[in-house]
Amino acid sequence: MGNQLRFRSGEVQLHKLRVDSGTVLEAGDLVYLDTDDVKPASSFSWTSDLATTQSAFAASFLGVVHHQSADGDTDDVSVDMSPSAIYEFDVAAATYEVGDELGPDELSSSLMDQQLEAVGTGTLAIARAAEYKAAAATKLRVTFASAFHTGSANVNAAVG
């Protein structure tokens, strides 16, 4: 995504969250909650395979960070956890239908901070396609499903 935030429409719900001084974030990064602070998808621990890692990431997925945090910064960051905001994100080249489920893509056994790919099941998903692409596309409008927003479609978002 070239380290830029591409919000397109909908309601944004920003939440202020902590970040460790050694964590580097760019606007538009997919972030998760690591105990009590925000970290980018690329720092999420890799497990046995991509599907297992995507499923674990979905369970702690917060949303999209709205501004950068440089190494050494400890100021809170704003994270959009809204299920109705639409962003344009980089995606693995493919055709997409509205409603297709997406999870973070991977590169060399690490999740990517700003790229999604189609996944086969809701337990791996953190996003849904918000538009149809008949030809192989590398950019797609999507909505996100935070594990911490009870109004989202994330299977982990229920309270109780």
Protein backbone atom coordinates (compact mmCIF):
# COMPACT_ATOMS: atom_id res chain seq x y z
CA MET A 1 0.00 0.00 0.00
CA GLY A 2 3.03 2.25 0.00
CA ASN A 3 2.66 3.36 3.61
CA GLN A 4 -0.36 5.53 3.00
CA LEU A 5 -3.82 5.38 4.44
CA ARG A 6 -6.54 5.09 1.80
CA PHE A 7 -9.83 5.67 3.60
CA ARG A 8 -12.68 5.83 1.07
CA SER A 9 -16.02 6.17 2.92
CA GLY A 10 -18.14 5.14 5.89
CA GLU A 11 -18.00 5.76 9.61
CA VAL A 12 -14.59 5.82 11.28
CA GLN A 13 -14.39 4.94 14.98
CA LEU A 14 -10.95 5.87 16.27
CA HIS A 15 -9.70 4.40 19.52
CA LYS A 16 -6.55 5.64 21.27
CA LEU A 17 -4.23 2.77 22.12
CA ARG A 18 -0.77 2.38 23.61
CA VAL A 19 2.34 1.64 21.60
CA ASP A 20 5.75 0.51 22.88
CA SER A 21 8.76 2.72 22.18
CA GLY A 22 10.35 0.08 19.96
CA THR A 23 7.28 -0.45 17.76
CA VAL A 24 7.30 1.19 14.32
CA LEU A 25 3.93 1.81 12.65
CA GLU A 26 2.93 3.41 9.36
CA ALA A 27 -0.48 4.89 8.61
CA GLY A 28 -2.56 2.10 7.09
CA ASP A 29 -0.92 -0.78 8.95
CA LEU A 30 -3.08 -3.67 10.13
CA VAL A 31 -2.55 -3.88 13.89
CA TYR A 32 -3.27 -6.32 16.71
CA LEU A 33 -3.40 -6.14 20.50
CA ASP A 34 -0.31 -7.65 22.11
CA THR A 35 -1.24 -7.86 25.83
CA ASP A 36 -1.72 -4.10 26.33
CA ASP A 37 -0.23 -2.38 23.29
CA VAL A 38 -0.58 -2.13 19.51
CA LYS A 39 1.77 -3.91 17.11
CA PRO A 40 1.82 -4.29 13.30
CA ALA A 41 0.83 -7.55 11.62
CA SER A 42 4.46 -8.19 10.60
CA SER A 43 5.48 -8.59 14.26
CA PHE A 44 2.80 -11.23 14.94
CA SER A 45 4.33 -14.59 15.92
CA TRP A 46 4.34 -17.10 13.07
CA THR A 47 3.01 -20.51 14.01
CA SER A 48 3.00 -23.78 12.08
CA ASP A 49 1.52 -22.44 8.82
CA LEU A 50 -0.25 -19.48 7.21
CA ALA A 51 -3.80 -20.57 8.08
CA THR A 52 -2.97 -21.15 11.75
CA THR A 53 -1.18 -17.80 11.93
CA GLN A 54 -4.05 -15.96 10.19
CA SER A 55 -6.57 -17.52 12.58
CA ALA A 56 -4.57 -16.48 15.65
CA PHE A 57 -4.08 -12.98 14.20
CA ALA A 58 -7.84 -12.61 13.56
CA ALA A 59 -8.47 -13.34 17.26
CA SER A 60 -6.37 -10.32 18.29
CA PHE A 61 -6.93 -8.02 15.28
CA LEU A 62 -7.73 -4.42 16.28
CA GLY A 63 -8.03 -2.50 13.03
CA VAL A 64 -6.21 0.02 10.84
CA VAL A 65 -3.81 2.51 12.43
CA HIS A 66 -4.32 6.10 11.29
CA HIS A 67 -0.88 7.64 11.85
CA GLN A 68 2.72 6.61 12.14
CA SER A 69 4.72 5.86 15.26
CA ALA A 70 8.48 6.02 14.86
CA ASP A 71 11.03 4.01 16.82
CA GLY A 72 11.24 5.60 20.25
CA ASP A 73 7.75 7.17 20.16
CA THR A 74 5.43 6.32 23.04
CA ASP A 75 2.46 8.56 22.18
CA ASP A 76 -0.86 6.75 21.83
CA VAL A 77 -1.95 5.90 18.29
CA SER A 78 -5.43 6.14 16.75
CA VAL A 79 -6.82 2.86 15.43
CA ASP A 80 -10.04 2.58 13.42
CA MET A 81 -12.03 -0.37 14.74
CA SER A 82 -15.23 0.46 12.81
CA PRO A 83 -16.89 -2.32 10.82
CA SER A 84 -18.46 0.22 8.42
CA ALA A 85 -15.43 2.20 7.23
CA ILE A 86 -14.25 1.35 3.71
CA TYR A 87 -10.56 1.39 2.83
CA GLU A 88 -8.74 0.65 -0.41
CA PHE A 89 -6.07 -1.96 0.30
CA ASP A 90 -3.45 -3.82 -1.67
CA VAL A 91 -4.48 -7.42 -2.28
CA ALA A 92 -2.98 -10.53 -3.83
CA ALA A 93 -3.81 -10.43 -7.55
CA ALA A 94 -7.14 -12.21 -8.04
CA THR A 95 -10.79 -11.68 -8.93
CA TYR A 96 -13.07 -10.73 -6.03
CA GLU A 97 -16.79 -10.85 -5.27
CA VAL A 98 -18.53 -8.53 -2.79
CA GLY A 99 -18.38 -10.26 0.58
CA ASP A 100 -15.28 -12.36 -0.11
CA GLU A 101 -13.39 -12.96 3.14
CA LEU A 102 -9.82 -11.67 3.39
CA GLY A 103 -6.94 -12.11 5.81
CA PRO A 104 -3.44 -10.68 5.97
CA ASP A 105 -1.16 -11.84 3.16
CA GLU A 106 2.27 -13.27 3.98
CA LEU A 107 5.82 -12.84 2.82
CA SER A 108 8.61 -15.16 3.96
CA SER A 109 6.71 -16.60 6.95
CA SER A 110 5.62 -13.18 8.18
CA LEU A 111 2.26 -11.45 7.89
CA MET A 112 2.23 -8.30 5.77
CA ASP A 113 1.25 -4.98 7.38
CA GLN A 114 -0.65 -3.56 4.41
CA GLN A 115 -1.72 -6.36 2.08
CA LEU A 116 -4.63 -8.81 2.16
CA GLU A 117 -5.47 -12.09 0.40
CA ALA A 118 -8.60 -14.20 0.00
CA VAL A 119 -9.08 -16.80 2.74
CA GLY A 120 -11.37 -19.81 2.69
CA THR A 121 -13.04 -19.48 6.06
CA GLY A 122 -14.33 -16.83 8.46
CA THR A 123 -12.01 -17.92 11.26
CA LEU A 124 -9.07 -16.58 9.20
CA ALA A 125 -10.79 -13.40 8.02
CA ILE A 126 -10.30 -9.82 9.21
CA ALA A 127 -11.96 -8.15 6.21
CA ARG A 128 -14.58 -8.49 3.48
CA ALA A 129 -14.50 -7.27 -0.10
CA ALA A 130 -16.72 -4.20 -0.54
CA GLU A 131 -16.60 -4.29 -4.33
CA TYR A 132 -16.58 -6.73 -7.26
CA LYS A 133 -13.49 -7.17 -9.44
CA ALA A 134 -14.00 -9.24 -12.62
CA ALA A 135 -10.34 -9.06 -13.68
CA ALA A 136 -7.34 -9.81 -11.50
CA ALA A 137 -7.02 -6.83 -9.18
CA THR A 138 -4.23 -5.72 -6.85
CA LYS A 139 -6.28 -3.02 -5.08
CA LEU A 140 -9.67 -3.59 -3.49
CA ARG A 141 -12.13 -1.69 -1.33
CA VAL A 142 -12.72 -3.57 1.91
CA THR A 143 -14.39 -3.32 5.30
CA PHE A 144 -12.66 -4.66 8.40
CA ALA A 145 -13.84 -6.84 11.29
CA SER A 146 -12.06 -6.05 14.55
CA ALA A 147 -12.00 -8.75 17.20
CA PHE A 148 -12.63 -5.91 19.69
CA HIS A 149 -15.74 -4.35 18.13
CA THR A 150 -18.92 -6.24 19.01
CA GLY A 151 -20.63 -4.88 15.89
CA SER A 152 -18.10 -6.48 13.55
CA ALA A 153 -18.35 -9.78 11.70
CA ASN A 154 -15.17 -11.11 13.33
CA VAL A 155 -16.01 -14.51 14.90
CA ASN A 156 -13.97 -13.46 17.96
CA ALA A 157 -15.90 -10.22 18.61
CA ALA A 158 -18.66 -11.58 20.84
CA VAL A 159 -18.65 -10.62 24.50
CA GLY A 160 -19.16 -13.44 26.97
